[in-house]
Amino acid sequence: MTRYEPVFNESAIRGFLGASTEDRRRLLLFIEGLANEPVREGDYVEVSSQDRRIDVFLCDKWLVSAWVDHAVKEVRIVNVERV
């Protein structure tokens, strides 16, 4: 499968920047994995106000929320928050 580009929104960037250096490294590796395998399903699913499927993944002590835009080959990271 073609590698997709990860794209972070403001909320995700704020959460990511609040992580320790080691946690940021782990989160980046995890998000790169999502970009390499964009069909992966989350640990659970939420539905956005636009009726978009948001997959939520548990990455160590962090939740990473994302949706995939297949038309432009992007993984949209919409939130990163500590559990």
C-alpha atoms as a PDB file:
ATOM      1  CA  MET A   1       0.000   0.000   0.000  1.00  0.00           C
ATOM      2  CA  THR A   2       1.155   3.550  -0.705  1.00  0.00           C
ATOM      3  CA  ARG A   3       2.436   5.483   2.282  1.00  0.00           C
ATOM      4  CA  TYR A   4       0.092   8.294   3.290  1.00  0.00           C
ATOM      5  CA  GLU A   5       1.205  11.677   4.625  1.00  0.00           C
ATOM      6  CA  PRO A   6       0.425  12.402   8.302  1.00  0.00           C
ATOM      7  CA  VAL A   7      -1.194  15.827   8.795  1.00  0.00           C
ATOM      8  CA  PHE A   8      -1.671  17.302  12.289  1.00  0.00           C
ATOM      9  CA  ASN A   9      -4.361  19.787  13.268  1.00  0.00           C
ATOM     10  CA  GLU A  10      -3.817  22.383  16.013  1.00  0.00           C
ATOM     11  CA  SER A  11      -5.291  20.277  18.819  1.00  0.00           C
ATOM     12  CA  ALA A  12      -3.035  17.358  17.916  1.00  0.00           C
ATOM     13  CA  ILE A  13       0.038  19.598  17.787  1.00  0.00           C
ATOM     14  CA  ARG A  14      -0.733  21.012  21.236  1.00  0.00           C
ATOM     15  CA  GLY A  15      -1.100  17.521  22.697  1.00  0.00           C
ATOM     16  CA  PHE A  16       2.048  16.315  20.974  1.00  0.00           C
ATOM     17  CA  LEU A  17       4.116  19.275  22.223  1.00  0.00           C
ATOM     18  CA  GLY A  18       2.914  18.560  25.767  1.00  0.00           C
ATOM     19  CA  ALA A  19       4.515  15.120  25.684  1.00  0.00           C
ATOM     20  CA  SER A  20       7.967  14.344  27.008  1.00  0.00           C
ATOM     21  CA  THR A  21      10.808  13.905  24.513  1.00  0.00           C
ATOM     22  CA  GLU A  22      10.634  10.112  24.869  1.00  0.00           C
ATOM     23  CA  ASP A  23       6.845  10.075  24.465  1.00  0.00           C
ATOM     24  CA  ARG A  24       7.100  12.299  21.376  1.00  0.00           C
ATOM     25  CA  ARG A  25       9.545   9.826  19.854  1.00  0.00           C
ATOM     26  CA  ARG A  26       7.133   6.941  20.526  1.00  0.00           C
ATOM     27  CA  LEU A  27       4.170   8.928  19.199  1.00  0.00           C
ATOM     28  CA  LEU A  28       6.019   9.808  15.985  1.00  0.00           C
ATOM     29  CA  LEU A  29       6.934   6.161  15.405  1.00  0.00           C
ATOM     30  CA  PHE A  30       3.324   5.177  15.995  1.00  0.00           C
ATOM     31  CA  ILE A  31       1.976   7.851  13.631  1.00  0.00           C
ATOM     32  CA  GLU A  32       4.498   6.836  10.966  1.00  0.00           C
ATOM     33  CA  GLY A  33       3.096   3.319  11.331  1.00  0.00           C
ATOM     34  CA  LEU A  34      -0.401   4.673  10.699  1.00  0.00           C
ATOM     35  CA  ALA A  35       0.856   6.476   7.586  1.00  0.00           C
ATOM     36  CA  ASN A  36       2.384   3.226   6.336  1.00  0.00           C
ATOM     37  CA  GLU A  37      -0.792   1.241   7.081  1.00  0.00           C
ATOM     38  CA  PRO A  38      -3.706   3.687   6.726  1.00  0.00           C
ATOM     39  CA  VAL A  39      -6.369   0.957   6.691  1.00  0.00           C
ATOM     40  CA  ARG A  40      -5.599   0.007  10.303  1.00  0.00           C
ATOM     41  CA  GLU A  41      -8.656   0.227  12.540  1.00  0.00           C
ATOM     42  CA  GLY A  42      -8.559   2.044  15.862  1.00  0.00           C
ATOM     43  CA  ASP A  43      -9.058   0.576  19.304  1.00  0.00           C
ATOM     44  CA  TYR A  44     -12.428   2.286  19.202  1.00  0.00           C
ATOM     45  CA  VAL A  45     -14.334   4.592  16.871  1.00  0.00           C
ATOM     46  CA  GLU A  46     -15.932   8.000  17.357  1.00  0.00           C
ATOM     47  CA  VAL A  47     -18.091   9.895  14.882  1.00  0.00           C
ATOM     48  CA  SER A  48     -17.338  13.575  14.270  1.00  0.00           C
ATOM     49  CA  SER A  49     -19.950  16.307  13.980  1.00  0.00           C
ATOM     50  CA  GLN A  50     -19.496  15.962  10.180  1.00  0.00           C
ATOM     51  CA  ASP A  51     -20.394  12.231  10.444  1.00  0.00           C
ATOM     52  CA  ARG A  52     -16.781  11.294   9.776  1.00  0.00           C
ATOM     53  CA  ARG A  53     -15.331   8.113  11.265  1.00  0.00           C
ATOM     54  CA  ILE A  54     -12.544   8.964  13.731  1.00  0.00           C
ATOM     55  CA  ASP A  55     -10.374   6.017  14.743  1.00  0.00           C
ATOM     56  CA  VAL A  56      -8.910   6.327  18.243  1.00  0.00           C
ATOM     57  CA  PHE A  57      -5.710   4.406  18.961  1.00  0.00           C
ATOM     58  CA  LEU A  58      -4.066   3.699  22.301  1.00  0.00           C
ATOM     59  CA  CYS A  59      -0.316   4.345  22.087  1.00  0.00           C
ATOM     60  CA  ASP A  60       1.269   3.620  25.469  1.00  0.00           C
ATOM     61  CA  LYS A  61      -0.303   6.250  27.754  1.00  0.00           C
ATOM     62  CA  TRP A  62      -1.617   8.382  24.874  1.00  0.00           C
ATOM     63  CA  LEU A  63      -4.737   8.428  22.715  1.00  0.00           C
ATOM     64  CA  VAL A  64      -4.231   9.323  19.062  1.00  0.00           C
ATOM     65  CA  SER A  65      -7.393  10.220  17.119  1.00  0.00           C
ATOM     66  CA  ALA A  66      -7.220  10.177  13.335  1.00  0.00           C
ATOM     67  CA  TRP A  67      -9.177   9.814  10.127  1.00  0.00           C
ATOM     68  CA  VAL A  68      -7.939   8.840   6.701  1.00  0.00           C
ATOM     69  CA  ASP A  69      -8.493  10.936   3.585  1.00  0.00           C
ATOM     70  CA  HIS A  70      -7.924   8.406   0.808  1.00  0.00           C
ATOM     71  CA  ALA A  71      -8.541  10.956  -1.941  1.00  0.00           C
ATOM     72  CA  VAL A  72      -5.374  12.884  -1.065  1.00  0.00           C
ATOM     73  CA  LYS A  73      -3.531  10.029   0.704  1.00  0.00           C
ATOM     74  CA  GLU A  74      -3.399  11.691   4.125  1.00  0.00           C
ATOM     75  CA  VAL A  75      -3.826  10.471   7.693  1.00  0.00           C
ATOM     76  CA  ARG A  76      -5.392  13.402   9.546  1.00  0.00           C
ATOM     77  CA  ILE A  77      -4.287  13.414  13.176  1.00  0.00           C
ATOM     78  CA  VAL A  78      -7.030  15.364  14.963  1.00  0.00           C
ATOM     79  CA  ASN A  79      -6.100  14.863  18.611  1.00  0.00           C
ATOM     80  CA  VAL A  80      -3.288  13.587  20.805  1.00  0.00           C
ATOM     81  CA  GLU A  81      -4.047  13.356  24.508  1.00  0.00           C
ATOM     82  CA  ARG A  82      -2.591  11.687  27.566  1.00  0.00           C
ATOM     83  CA  VAL A  83      -4.753   9.013  29.185  1.00  0.00           C
END
